[in-house]
Amino acid sequence: MLLSALLNHSRTRSTLVGRHIGIVAMEMTRNRYFMLGVILILLGIQFRMVDSFVLNPPATRMLSKVSKQTYAASEDSFSSFLMQVHPKPTKRVHPPRWLGLAMIAVGSVVSLHAVAIPKS
């Protein structure tokens, strides 16, 4: 029923919000497509210019919990000594080189698609 309501273009946004679980159908206009393309292009340029990212300690701990790998120091005596010298463990992430080019290419296609959409 929710899918049929979302696909039915004759219903208004207030009808969707009032009858269903608070999901509002967002209409993808050409402005939103163009903005999405520009954001992807800018993120792609950033990924091309940056060699690596250093995660902060909470993000490193969260990544070690999710991936079940030990990025933080263990509980032996040498590790506890190192934790006194450098107490905040961090993780360095090296994104692949092709990721920036892929984001730029997809962003360009989405932006050009936005220009091709008729104004409404």
PDB file of N, CA and C in Angstrom:
ATOM      1  N   MET A   1       0.823  -1.190   0.000  1.00  0.00           N
ATOM      2  CA  MET A   1       0.000   0.000   0.000  1.00  0.00           C
ATOM      3  C   MET A   1       0.868   1.254   0.000  1.00  0.00           C
ATOM      4  N   LEU A   2       1.943   1.224   0.781  1.00  0.00           N
ATOM      5  CA  LEU A   2       2.834   2.380   0.832  1.00  0.00           C
ATOM      6  C   LEU A   2       3.500   2.610  -0.512  1.00  0.00           C
ATOM      7  N   LEU A   3       3.906   1.517  -1.164  1.00  0.00           N
ATOM      8  CA  LEU A   3       4.537   1.640  -2.467  1.00  0.00           C
ATOM      9  C   LEU A   3       3.572   2.195  -3.500  1.00  0.00           C
ATOM     10  N   SER A   4       2.329   1.741  -3.469  1.00  0.00           N
ATOM     11  CA  SER A   4       1.351   2.262  -4.428  1.00  0.00           C
ATOM     12  C   SER A   4       1.047   3.729  -4.157  1.00  0.00           C
ATOM     13  N   ALA A   5       1.082   4.130  -2.883  1.00  0.00           N
ATOM     14  CA  ALA A   5       0.857   5.541  -2.560  1.00  0.00           C
ATOM     15  C   ALA A   5       2.022   6.393  -3.023  1.00  0.00           C
ATOM     16  N   LEU A   6       3.241   5.855  -2.904  1.00  0.00           N
ATOM     17  CA  LEU A   6       4.399   6.620  -3.353  1.00  0.00           C
ATOM     18  C   LEU A   6       4.449   6.727  -4.868  1.00  0.00           C
ATOM     19  N   LEU A   7       4.000   5.679  -5.557  1.00  0.00           N
ATOM     20  CA  LEU A   7       4.035   5.703  -7.011  1.00  0.00           C
ATOM     21  C   LEU A   7       2.894   6.500  -7.618  1.00  0.00           C
ATOM     22  N   ASN A   8       1.818   6.682  -6.862  1.00  0.00           N
ATOM     23  CA  ASN A   8       0.673   7.416  -7.362  1.00  0.00           C
ATOM     24  C   ASN A   8       0.986   8.915  -7.288  1.00  0.00           C
ATOM     25  N   HIS A   9       1.089   9.556  -8.428  1.00  0.00           N
ATOM     26  CA  HIS A   9       1.466  10.969  -8.462  1.00  0.00           C
ATOM     27  C   HIS A   9       0.320  11.910  -8.109  1.00  0.00           C
ATOM     28  N   SER A  10      -0.901  11.412  -8.055  1.00  0.00           N
ATOM     29  CA  SER A  10      -2.028  12.286  -7.770  1.00  0.00           C
ATOM     30  C   SER A  10      -2.149  12.601  -6.283  1.00  0.00           C
ATOM     31  N   ARG A  11      -1.504  11.825  -5.420  1.00  0.00           N
ATOM     32  CA  ARG A  11      -1.585  12.087  -3.987  1.00  0.00           C
ATOM     33  C   ARG A  11      -0.620  13.203  -3.602  1.00  0.00           C
ATOM     34  N   THR A  12      -0.968  13.931  -2.596  1.00  0.00           N
ATOM     35  CA  THR A  12      -0.130  15.025  -2.145  1.00  0.00           C
ATOM     36  C   THR A  12       0.767  14.568  -1.010  1.00  0.00           C
ATOM     37  N   ARG A  13       1.721  15.401  -0.639  1.00  0.00           N
ATOM     38  CA  ARG A  13       2.647  15.067   0.437  1.00  0.00           C
ATOM     39  C   ARG A  13       1.929  14.970   1.779  1.00  0.00           C
ATOM     40  N   SER A  14       0.943  15.816   2.022  1.00  0.00           N
ATOM     41  CA  SER A  14       0.236  15.771   3.302  1.00  0.00           C
ATOM     42  C   SER A  14      -0.526  14.466   3.466  1.00  0.00           C
ATOM     43  N   THR A  15      -1.030  13.912   2.372  1.00  0.00           N
ATOM     44  CA  THR A  15      -1.724  12.633   2.454  1.00  0.00           C
ATOM     45  C   THR A  15      -0.749  11.536   2.854  1.00  0.00           C
ATOM     46  N   LEU A  16       0.453  11.573   2.296  1.00  0.00           N
ATOM     47  CA  LEU A  16       1.439  10.557   2.628  1.00  0.00           C
ATOM     48  C   LEU A  16       1.877  10.653   4.084  1.00  0.00           C
ATOM     49  N   VAL A  17       2.065  11.860   4.565  1.00  0.00           N
ATOM     50  CA  VAL A  17       2.509  12.024   5.944  1.00  0.00           C
ATOM     51  C   VAL A  17       1.406  11.646   6.910  1.00  0.00           C
ATOM     52  N   GLY A  18       0.174  11.999   6.604  1.00  0.00           N
ATOM     53  CA  GLY A  18      -0.921  11.750   7.520  1.00  0.00           C
ATOM     54  C   GLY A  18      -1.287  10.279   7.651  1.00  0.00           C
ATOM     55  N   ARG A  19      -1.208   9.508   6.588  1.00  0.00           N
ATOM     56  CA  ARG A  19      -1.691   8.137   6.633  1.00  0.00           C
ATOM     57  C   ARG A  19      -0.601   7.102   6.878  1.00  0.00           C
ATOM     58  N   HIS A  20       0.627   7.429   6.629  1.00  0.00           N
ATOM     59  CA  HIS A  20       1.688   6.436   6.728  1.00  0.00           C
ATOM     60  C   HIS A  20       2.685   6.830   7.813  1.00  0.00           C
ATOM     61  N   ILE A  21       3.728   6.131   7.923  1.00  0.00           N
ATOM     62  CA  ILE A  21       4.634   6.214   9.072  1.00  0.00           C
ATOM     63  C   ILE A  21       5.605   7.390   8.989  1.00  0.00           C
ATOM     64  N   GLY A  22       5.188   8.497   8.507  1.00  0.00           N
ATOM     65  CA  GLY A  22       6.023   9.694   8.484  1.00  0.00           C
ATOM     66  C   GLY A  22       6.977   9.778   7.313  1.00  0.00           C
ATOM     67  N   ILE A  23       6.800   8.961   6.294  1.00  0.00           N
ATOM     68  CA  ILE A  23       7.665   8.995   5.129  1.00  0.00           C
ATOM     69  C   ILE A  23       7.091   9.987   4.131  1.00  0.00           C
ATOM     70  N   VAL A  24       7.899  10.930   3.725  1.00  0.00           N
ATOM     71  CA  VAL A  24       7.467  11.935   2.763  1.00  0.00           C
ATOM     72  C   VAL A  24       8.163  11.637   1.447  1.00  0.00           C
ATOM     73  N   ALA A  25       7.389  11.564   0.375  1.00  0.00           N
ATOM     74  CA  ALA A  25       7.969  11.327  -0.940  1.00  0.00           C
ATOM     75  C   ALA A  25       8.642  12.607  -1.424  1.00  0.00           C
ATOM     76  N   MET A  26       9.949  12.532  -1.635  1.00  0.00           N
ATOM     77  CA  MET A  26      10.694  13.689  -2.112  1.00  0.00           C
ATOM     78  C   MET A  26      10.780  13.611  -3.635  1.00  0.00           C
ATOM     79  N   GLU A  27      10.363  14.637  -4.273  1.00  0.00           N
ATOM     80  CA  GLU A  27      10.363  14.678  -5.715  1.00  0.00           C
ATOM     81  C   GLU A  27      11.751  15.064  -6.206  1.00  0.00           C
ATOM     82  N   MET A  28      12.345  14.241  -7.065  1.00  0.00           N
ATOM     83  CA  MET A  28      13.684  14.526  -7.582  1.00  0.00           C
ATOM     84  C   MET A  28      13.563  15.451  -8.793  1.00  0.00           C
ATOM     85  N   THR A  29      13.763  16.723  -8.579  1.00  0.00           N
ATOM     86  CA  THR A  29      13.716  17.695  -9.662  1.00  0.00           C
ATOM     87  C   THR A  29      15.107  17.840 -10.264  1.00  0.00           C
ATOM     88  N   ARG A  30      15.183  18.599 -11.326  1.00  0.00           N
ATOM     89  CA  ARG A  30      16.472  18.766 -11.991  1.00  0.00           C
ATOM     90  C   ARG A  30      17.464  19.512 -11.113  1.00  0.00           C
ATOM     91  N   ASN A  31      16.990  20.372 -10.214  1.00  0.00           N
ATOM     92  CA  ASN A  31      17.907  21.075  -9.318  1.00  0.00           C
ATOM     93  C   ASN A  31      18.594  20.098  -8.359  1.00  0.00           C
ATOM     94  N   ARG A  32      17.842  19.130  -7.855  1.00  0.00           N
ATOM     95  CA  ARG A  32      18.426  18.148  -6.932  1.00  0.00           C
ATOM     96  C   ARG A  32      19.398  17.227  -7.654  1.00  0.00           C
ATOM     97  N   TYR A  33      19.080  16.817  -8.879  1.00  0.00           N
ATOM     98  CA  TYR A  33      20.012  16.020  -9.661  1.00  0.00           C
ATOM     99  C   TYR A  33      21.302  16.792  -9.909  1.00  0.00           C
ATOM    100  N   PHE A  34      21.169  18.067 -10.261  1.00  0.00           N
ATOM    101  CA  PHE A  34      22.353  18.870 -10.547  1.00  0.00           C
ATOM    102  C   PHE A  34      23.200  19.043  -9.287  1.00  0.00           C
ATOM    103  N   MET A  35      22.557  19.286  -8.144  1.00  0.00           N
ATOM    104  CA  MET A  35      23.294  19.447  -6.897  1.00  0.00           C
ATOM    105  C   MET A  35      24.001  18.147  -6.498  1.00  0.00           C
ATOM    106  N   LEU A  36      23.322  17.018  -6.690  1.00  0.00           N
ATOM    107  CA  LEU A  36      23.947  15.731  -6.400  1.00  0.00           C
ATOM    108  C   LEU A  36      25.170  15.507  -7.286  1.00  0.00           C
ATOM    109  N   GLY A  37      25.066  15.864  -8.551  1.00  0.00           N
ATOM    110  CA  GLY A  37      26.203  15.737  -9.459  1.00  0.00           C
ATOM    111  C   GLY A  37      27.367  16.627  -9.063  1.00  0.00           C
ATOM    112  N   VAL A  38      27.082  17.861  -8.661  1.00  0.00           N
ATOM    113  CA  VAL A  38      28.145  18.788  -8.249  1.00  0.00           C
ATOM    114  C   VAL A  38      28.827  18.281  -6.979  1.00  0.00           C
ATOM    115  N   ILE A  39      28.036  17.763  -6.033  1.00  0.00           N
ATOM    116  CA  ILE A  39      28.618  17.232  -4.795  1.00  0.00           C
ATOM    117  C   ILE A  39      29.508  16.035  -5.097  1.00  0.00           C
ATOM    118  N   LEU A  40      29.068  15.138  -6.005  1.00  0.00           N
ATOM    119  CA  LEU A  40      29.901  14.000  -6.370  1.00  0.00           C
ATOM    120  C   LEU A  40      31.188  14.435  -7.062  1.00  0.00           C
ATOM    121  N   ILE A  41      31.109  15.453  -7.907  1.00  0.00           N
ATOM    122  CA  ILE A  41      32.315  15.962  -8.571  1.00  0.00           C
ATOM    123  C   ILE A  41      33.285  16.544  -7.548  1.00  0.00           C
ATOM    124  N   LEU A  42      32.781  17.331  -6.605  1.00  0.00           N
ATOM    125  CA  LEU A  42      33.660  17.931  -5.596  1.00  0.00           C
ATOM    126  C   LEU A  42      34.268  16.877  -4.675  1.00  0.00           C
ATOM    127  N   LEU A  43      33.479  15.873  -4.288  1.00  0.00           N
ATOM    128  CA  LEU A  43      34.036  14.790  -3.474  1.00  0.00           C
ATOM    129  C   LEU A  43      35.080  13.995  -4.253  1.00  0.00           C
ATOM    130  N   GLY A  44      34.836  13.790  -5.540  1.00  0.00           N
ATOM    131  CA  GLY A  44      35.815  13.092  -6.372  1.00  0.00           C
ATOM    132  C   GLY A  44      37.116  13.860  -6.481  1.00  0.00           C
ATOM    133  N   ILE A  45      37.033  15.171  -6.618  1.00  0.00           N
ATOM    134  CA  ILE A  45      38.250  15.997  -6.657  1.00  0.00           C
ATOM    135  C   ILE A  45      38.989  15.902  -5.332  1.00  0.00           C
ATOM    136  N   GLN A  46      38.249  15.904  -4.235  1.00  0.00           N
ATOM    137  CA  GLN A  46      38.888  15.788  -2.926  1.00  0.00           C
ATOM    138  C   GLN A  46      39.569  14.431  -2.773  1.00  0.00           C
ATOM    139  N   PHE A  47      38.918  13.364  -3.208  1.00  0.00           N
ATOM    140  CA  PHE A  47      39.536  12.040  -3.107  1.00  0.00           C
ATOM    141  C   PHE A  47      40.759  11.914  -4.011  1.00  0.00           C
ATOM    142  N   ARG A  48      40.791  12.651  -5.127  1.00  0.00           N
ATOM    143  CA  ARG A  48      41.969  12.624  -5.995  1.00  0.00           C
ATOM    144  C   ARG A  48      43.135  13.393  -5.381  1.00  0.00           C
ATOM    145  N   MET A  49      42.849  14.449  -4.630  1.00  0.00           N
ATOM    146  CA  MET A  49      43.915  15.294  -4.085  1.00  0.00           C
ATOM    147  C   MET A  49      44.477  14.771  -2.766  1.00  0.00           C
ATOM    148  N   VAL A  50      43.703  13.988  -2.020  1.00  0.00           N
ATOM    149  CA  VAL A  50      44.131  13.529  -0.704  1.00  0.00           C
ATOM    150  C   VAL A  50      44.717  12.127  -0.832  1.00  0.00           C
ATOM    151  N   ASP A  51      45.879  11.914  -0.217  1.00  0.00           N
ATOM    152  CA  ASP A  51      46.525  10.611  -0.263  1.00  0.00           C
ATOM    153  C   ASP A  51      45.961   9.666   0.783  1.00  0.00           C
ATOM    154  N   SER A  52      45.708  10.177   2.002  1.00  0.00           N
ATOM    155  CA  SER A  52      45.177   9.326   3.065  1.00  0.00           C
ATOM    156  C   SER A  52      44.401  10.178   4.060  1.00  0.00           C
ATOM    157  N   PHE A  53      43.540   9.513   4.830  1.00  0.00           N
ATOM    158  CA  PHE A  53      42.767  10.148   5.887  1.00  0.00           C
ATOM    159  C   PHE A  53      43.188   9.529   7.211  1.00  0.00           C
ATOM    160  N   VAL A  54      43.299  10.342   8.245  1.00  0.00           N
ATOM    161  CA  VAL A  54      43.595   9.838   9.582  1.00  0.00           C
ATOM    162  C   VAL A  54      42.310   9.949  10.393  1.00  0.00           C
ATOM    163  N   LEU A  55      41.828   8.797  10.867  1.00  0.00           N
ATOM    164  CA  LEU A  55      40.609   8.776  11.654  1.00  0.00           C
ATOM    165  C   LEU A  55      40.902   9.207  13.082  1.00  0.00           C
ATOM    166  N   ASN A  56      39.945   9.845  13.709  1.00  0.00           N
ATOM    167  CA  ASN A  56      40.115  10.228  15.107  1.00  0.00           C
ATOM    168  C   ASN A  56      39.956   8.990  15.999  1.00  0.00           C
ATOM    169  N   PRO A  57      40.348   9.069  17.280  1.00  0.00           N
ATOM    170  CA  PRO A  57      40.297   7.879  18.150  1.00  0.00           C
ATOM    171  C   PRO A  57      38.914   7.229  18.286  1.00  0.00           C
ATOM    172  N   PRO A  58      37.805   7.994  18.433  1.00  0.00           N
ATOM    173  CA  PRO A  58      36.508   7.293  18.500  1.00  0.00           C
ATOM    174  C   PRO A  58      36.165   6.543  17.214  1.00  0.00           C
ATOM    175  N   ALA A  59      36.498   7.118  16.060  1.00  0.00           N
ATOM    176  CA  ALA A  59      36.223   6.434  14.796  1.00  0.00           C
ATOM    177  C   ALA A  59      37.107   5.200  14.644  1.00  0.00           C
ATOM    178  N   THR A  60      38.349   5.266  15.130  1.00  0.00           N
ATOM    179  CA  THR A  60      39.234   4.110  15.086  1.00  0.00           C
ATOM    180  C   THR A  60      38.711   2.985  15.966  1.00  0.00           C
ATOM    181  N   ARG A  61      38.236   3.322  17.162  1.00  0.00           N
ATOM    182  CA  ARG A  61      37.671   2.299  18.046  1.00  0.00           C
ATOM    183  C   ARG A  61      36.418   1.679  17.445  1.00  0.00           C
ATOM    184  N   MET A  62      35.561   2.497  16.836  1.00  0.00           N
ATOM    185  CA  MET A  62      34.357   1.983  16.206  1.00  0.00           C
ATOM    186  C   MET A  62      34.713   1.061  15.039  1.00  0.00           C
ATOM    187  N   LEU A  63      35.721   1.437  14.245  1.00  0.00           N
ATOM    188  CA  LEU A  63      36.152   0.608  13.126  1.00  0.00           C
ATOM    189  C   LEU A  63      36.732  -0.712  13.609  1.00  0.00           C
ATOM    190  N   SER A  64      37.459  -0.692  14.717  1.00  0.00           N
ATOM    191  CA  SER A  64      38.023  -1.942  15.237  1.00  0.00           C
ATOM    192  C   SER A  64      36.931  -2.851  15.789  1.00  0.00           C
ATOM    193  N   LYS A  65      35.862  -2.274  16.363  1.00  0.00           N
ATOM    194  CA  LYS A  65      34.750  -3.094  16.841  1.00  0.00           C
ATOM    195  C   LYS A  65      33.970  -3.699  15.684  1.00  0.00           C
ATOM    196  N   VAL A  66      33.753  -2.920  14.628  1.00  0.00           N
ATOM    197  CA  VAL A  66      32.963  -3.389  13.497  1.00  0.00           C
ATOM    198  C   VAL A  66      33.722  -4.443  12.696  1.00  0.00           C
ATOM    199  N   SER A  67      35.014  -4.218  12.456  1.00  0.00           N
ATOM    200  CA  SER A  67      35.773  -5.128  11.607  1.00  0.00           C
ATOM    201  C   SER A  67      36.431  -6.264  12.378  1.00  0.00           C
ATOM    202  N   LYS A  68      36.297  -6.298  13.686  1.00  0.00           N
ATOM    203  CA  LYS A  68      36.849  -7.347  14.541  1.00  0.00           C
ATOM    204  C   LYS A  68      38.374  -7.442  14.447  1.00  0.00           C
ATOM    205  N   GLN A  69      39.023  -6.334  14.089  1.00  0.00           N
ATOM    206  CA  GLN A  69      40.477  -6.282  14.070  1.00  0.00           C
ATOM    207  C   GLN A  69      40.947  -5.385  15.196  1.00  0.00           C
ATOM    208  N   THR A  70      42.169  -5.588  15.651  1.00  0.00           N
ATOM    209  CA  THR A  70      42.689  -4.810  16.762  1.00  0.00           C
ATOM    210  C   THR A  70      43.553  -3.682  16.219  1.00  0.00           C
ATOM    211  N   TYR A  71      42.968  -2.490  16.127  1.00  0.00           N
ATOM    212  CA  TYR A  71      43.750  -1.322  15.748  1.00  0.00           C
ATOM    213  C   TYR A  71      44.292  -0.626  16.985  1.00  0.00           C
ATOM    214  N   ALA A  72      43.574  -0.757  18.070  1.00  0.00           N
ATOM    215  CA  ALA A  72      44.037  -0.178  19.320  1.00  0.00           C
ATOM    216  C   ALA A  72      45.042  -1.128  19.957  1.00  0.00           C
ATOM    217  N   ALA A  73      45.807  -0.611  20.917  1.00  0.00           N
ATOM    218  CA  ALA A  73      46.842  -1.420  21.555  1.00  0.00           C
ATOM    219  C   ALA A  73      46.224  -2.489  22.439  1.00  0.00           C
ATOM    220  N   SER A  74      46.932  -3.605  22.581  1.00  0.00           N
ATOM    221  CA  SER A  74      46.445  -4.683  23.435  1.00  0.00           C
ATOM    222  C   SER A  74      46.836  -4.419  24.882  1.00  0.00           C
ATOM    223  N   GLU A  75      46.634  -5.399  25.744  1.00  0.00           N
ATOM    224  CA  GLU A  75      46.799  -5.193  27.179  1.00  0.00           C
ATOM    225  C   GLU A  75      48.152  -5.658  27.722  1.00  0.00           C
ATOM    226  N   ASP A  76      49.155  -5.965  26.896  1.00  0.00           N
ATOM    227  CA  ASP A  76      50.437  -6.385  27.447  1.00  0.00           C
ATOM    228  C   ASP A  76      51.226  -5.181  27.957  1.00  0.00           C
ATOM    229  N   SER A  77      52.351  -5.440  28.620  1.00  0.00           N
ATOM    230  CA  SER A  77      53.083  -4.360  29.308  1.00  0.00           C
ATOM    231  C   SER A  77      53.712  -3.374  28.322  1.00  0.00           C
ATOM    232  N   PHE A  78      54.248  -3.881  27.193  1.00  0.00           N
ATOM    233  CA  PHE A  78      54.861  -2.976  26.230  1.00  0.00           C
ATOM    234  C   PHE A  78      53.817  -2.054  25.599  1.00  0.00           C
ATOM    235  N   SER A  79      52.646  -2.600  25.314  1.00  0.00           N
ATOM    236  CA  SER A  79      51.578  -1.780  24.729  1.00  0.00           C
ATOM    237  C   SER A  79      51.068  -0.748  25.722  1.00  0.00           C
ATOM    238  N   SER A  80      51.002  -1.115  26.996  1.00  0.00           N
ATOM    239  CA  SER A  80      50.569  -0.133  27.989  1.00  0.00           C
ATOM    240  C   SER A  80      51.598   0.981  28.136  1.00  0.00           C
ATOM    241  N   PHE A  81      52.889   0.639  27.967  1.00  0.00           N
ATOM    242  CA  PHE A  81      53.930   1.679  27.993  1.00  0.00           C
ATOM    243  C   PHE A  81      53.778   2.613  26.797  1.00  0.00           C
ATOM    244  N   LEU A  82      53.515   2.045  25.614  1.00  0.00           N
ATOM    245  CA  LEU A  82      53.326   2.882  24.431  1.00  0.00           C
ATOM    246  C   LEU A  82      52.072   3.743  24.539  1.00  0.00           C
ATOM    247  N   MET A  83      51.041   3.226  25.195  1.00  0.00           N
ATOM    248  CA  MET A  83      49.819   4.006  25.366  1.00  0.00           C
ATOM    249  C   MET A  83      50.054   5.221  26.253  1.00  0.00           C
ATOM    250  N   GLN A  84      51.044   5.157  27.158  1.00  0.00           N
ATOM    251  CA  GLN A  84      51.369   6.325  27.978  1.00  0.00           C
ATOM    252  C   GLN A  84      52.078   7.374  27.146  1.00  0.00           C
ATOM    253  N   VAL A  85      52.880   6.938  26.172  1.00  0.00           N
ATOM    254  CA  VAL A  85      53.598   7.886  25.316  1.00  0.00           C
ATOM    255  C   VAL A  85      52.660   8.477  24.272  1.00  0.00           C
ATOM    256  N   HIS A  86      51.898   7.635  23.602  1.00  0.00           N
ATOM    257  CA  HIS A  86      50.955   8.075  22.561  1.00  0.00           C
ATOM    258  C   HIS A  86      49.590   7.479  22.894  1.00  0.00           C
ATOM    259  N   PRO A  87      48.790   8.151  23.725  1.00  0.00           N
ATOM    260  CA  PRO A  87      47.588   7.527  24.279  1.00  0.00           C
ATOM    261  C   PRO A  87      46.410   7.378  23.319  1.00  0.00           C
ATOM    262  N   LYS A  88      46.395   8.047  22.186  1.00  0.00           N
ATOM    263  CA  LYS A  88      45.218   8.008  21.322  1.00  0.00           C
ATOM    264  C   LYS A  88      45.538   7.226  20.053  1.00  0.00           C
ATOM    265  N   PRO A  89      45.046   5.992  19.935  1.00  0.00           N
ATOM    266  CA  PRO A  89      45.306   5.224  18.718  1.00  0.00           C
ATOM    267  C   PRO A  89      44.483   5.769  17.556  1.00  0.00           C
ATOM    268  N   THR A  90      45.106   5.857  16.401  1.00  0.00           N
ATOM    269  CA  THR A  90      44.419   6.337  15.201  1.00  0.00           C
ATOM    270  C   THR A  90      44.680   5.368  14.061  1.00  0.00           C
ATOM    271  N   LYS A  91      43.829   5.420  13.072  1.00  0.00           N
ATOM    272  CA  LYS A  91      43.932   4.568  11.893  1.00  0.00           C
ATOM    273  C   LYS A  91      44.058   5.447  10.669  1.00  0.00           C
ATOM    274  N   ARG A  92      44.965   5.088   9.785  1.00  0.00           N
ATOM    275  CA  ARG A  92      45.156   5.816   8.532  1.00  0.00           C
ATOM    276  C   ARG A  92      44.485   5.032   7.411  1.00  0.00           C
ATOM    277  N   VAL A  93      43.597   5.693   6.681  1.00  0.00           N
ATOM    278  CA  VAL A  93      42.849   5.065   5.586  1.00  0.00           C
ATOM    279  C   VAL A  93      43.395   5.600   4.270  1.00  0.00           C
ATOM    280  N   HIS A  94      43.771   4.691   3.375  1.00  0.00           N
ATOM    281  CA  HIS A  94      44.265   5.060   2.043  1.00  0.00           C
ATOM    282  C   HIS A  94      43.199   4.689   1.018  1.00  0.00           C
ATOM    283  N   PRO A  95      42.400   5.676   0.538  1.00  0.00           N
ATOM    284  CA  PRO A  95      41.376   5.338  -0.465  1.00  0.00           C
ATOM    285  C   PRO A  95      42.047   4.985  -1.791  1.00  0.00           C
ATOM    286  N   PRO A  96      41.447   4.095  -2.565  1.00  0.00           N
ATOM    287  CA  PRO A  96      42.038   3.738  -3.858  1.00  0.00           C
ATOM    288  C   PRO A  96      42.032   4.926  -4.821  1.00  0.00           C
ATOM    289  N   ARG A  97      42.996   4.951  -5.717  1.00  0.00           N
ATOM    290  CA  ARG A  97      43.166   6.076  -6.640  1.00  0.00           C
ATOM    291  C   ARG A  97      41.983   6.208  -7.603  1.00  0.00           C
ATOM    292  N   TRP A  98      41.383   5.069  -7.962  1.00  0.00           N
ATOM    293  CA  TRP A  98      40.299   5.091  -8.934  1.00  0.00           C
ATOM    294  C   TRP A  98      39.000   5.637  -8.363  1.00  0.00           C
ATOM    295  N   LEU A  99      38.880   5.707  -7.044  1.00  0.00           N
ATOM    296  CA  LEU A  99      37.633   6.146  -6.428  1.00  0.00           C
ATOM    297  C   LEU A  99      37.301   7.598  -6.792  1.00  0.00           C
ATOM    298  N   GLY A 100      38.307   8.457  -6.786  1.00  0.00           N
ATOM    299  CA  GLY A 100      38.085   9.854  -7.152  1.00  0.00           C
ATOM    300  C   GLY A 100      37.633  10.012  -8.592  1.00  0.00           C
ATOM    301  N   LEU A 101      38.275   9.267  -9.511  1.00  0.00           N
ATOM    302  CA  LEU A 101      37.871   9.340 -10.914  1.00  0.00           C
ATOM    303  C   LEU A 101      36.457   8.803 -11.125  1.00  0.00           C
ATOM    304  N   ALA A 102      36.109   7.760 -10.411  1.00  0.00           N
ATOM    305  CA  ALA A 102      34.752   7.206 -10.534  1.00  0.00           C
ATOM    306  C   ALA A 102      33.714   8.201 -10.040  1.00  0.00           C
ATOM    307  N   MET A 103      34.004   8.876  -8.921  1.00  0.00           N
ATOM    308  CA  MET A 103      33.053   9.866  -8.401  1.00  0.00           C
ATOM    309  C   MET A 103      32.917  11.057  -9.343  1.00  0.00           C
ATOM    310  N   ILE A 104      34.023  11.490  -9.929  1.00  0.00           N
ATOM    311  CA  ILE A 104      33.961  12.597 -10.894  1.00  0.00           C
ATOM    312  C   ILE A 104      33.153  12.191 -12.120  1.00  0.00           C
ATOM    313  N   ALA A 105      33.353  10.960 -12.611  1.00  0.00           N
ATOM    314  CA  ALA A 105      32.633  10.504 -13.807  1.00  0.00           C
ATOM    315  C   ALA A 105      31.128  10.384 -13.531  1.00  0.00           C
ATOM    316  N   VAL A 106      30.767   9.787 -12.401  1.00  0.00           N
ATOM    317  CA  VAL A 106      29.347   9.637 -12.073  1.00  0.00           C
ATOM    318  C   VAL A 106      28.711  11.005 -11.828  1.00  0.00           C
ATOM    319  N   GLY A 107      29.430  11.896 -11.155  1.00  0.00           N
ATOM    320  CA  GLY A 107      28.913  13.242 -10.926  1.00  0.00           C
ATOM    321  C   GLY A 107      28.704  14.009 -12.216  1.00  0.00           C
ATOM    322  N   SER A 108      29.602  13.833 -13.183  1.00  0.00           N
ATOM    323  CA  SER A 108      29.448  14.502 -14.478  1.00  0.00           C
ATOM    324  C   SER A 108      28.226  13.981 -15.221  1.00  0.00           C
ATOM    325  N   VAL A 109      28.027  12.667 -15.195  1.00  0.00           N
ATOM    326  CA  VAL A 109      26.873  12.089 -15.880  1.00  0.00           C
ATOM    327  C   VAL A 109      25.568  12.555 -15.228  1.00  0.00           C
ATOM    328  N   VAL A 110      25.533  12.592 -13.896  1.00  0.00           N
ATOM    329  CA  VAL A 110      24.315  13.030 -13.206  1.00  0.00           C
ATOM    330  C   VAL A 110      24.041  14.509 -13.482  1.00  0.00           C
ATOM    331  N   SER A 111      25.088  15.331 -13.495  1.00  0.00           N
ATOM    332  CA  SER A 111      24.895  16.765 -13.785  1.00  0.00           C
ATOM    333  C   SER A 111      24.421  16.984 -15.212  1.00  0.00           C
ATOM    334  N   LEU A 112      24.992  16.265 -16.160  1.00  0.00           N
ATOM    335  CA  LEU A 112      24.539  16.401 -17.540  1.00  0.00           C
ATOM    336  C   LEU A 112      23.121  15.870 -17.717  1.00  0.00           C
ATOM    337  N   HIS A 113      22.771  14.840 -16.964  1.00  0.00           N
ATOM    338  CA  HIS A 113      21.394  14.341 -17.003  1.00  0.00           C
ATOM    339  C   HIS A 113      20.428  15.394 -16.460  1.00  0.00           C
ATOM    340  N   ALA A 114      20.862  16.132 -15.445  1.00  0.00           N
ATOM    341  CA  ALA A 114      20.013  17.186 -14.889  1.00  0.00           C
ATOM    342  C   ALA A 114      19.763  18.291 -15.916  1.00  0.00           C
ATOM    343  N   VAL A 115      20.770  18.579 -16.722  1.00  0.00           N
ATOM    344  CA  VAL A 115      20.589  19.607 -17.760  1.00  0.00           C
ATOM    345  C   VAL A 115      19.620  19.103 -18.832  1.00  0.00           C
ATOM    346  N   ALA A 116      19.619  17.801 -19.091  1.00  0.00           N
ATOM    347  CA  ALA A 116      18.755  17.246 -20.128  1.00  0.00           C
ATOM    348  C   ALA A 116      17.303  17.096 -19.686  1.00  0.00           C
ATOM    349  N   ILE A 117      17.047  17.076 -18.368  1.00  0.00           N
ATOM    350  CA  ILE A 117      15.671  16.945 -17.886  1.00  0.00           C
ATOM    351  C   ILE A 117      14.904  18.226 -18.223  1.00  0.00           C
ATOM    352  N   PRO A 118      13.699  18.091 -18.756  1.00  0.00           N
ATOM    353  CA  PRO A 118      12.920  19.306 -19.063  1.00  0.00           C
ATOM    354  C   PRO A 118      12.499  20.049 -17.792  1.00  0.00           C
ATOM    355  N   LYS A 119      12.407  21.360 -17.894  1.00  0.00           N
ATOM    356  CA  LYS A 119      11.975  22.155 -16.757  1.00  0.00           C
ATOM    357  C   LYS A 119      10.504  21.891 -16.476  1.00  0.00           C
ATOM    358  N   SER A 120      10.195  21.809 -15.176  1.00  0.00           N
ATOM    359  CA  SER A 120       8.782  21.587 -14.838  1.00  0.00           C
ATOM    360  C   SER A 120       8.346  22.502 -13.726  1.00  0.00           C
TER     361      SER A 120
END
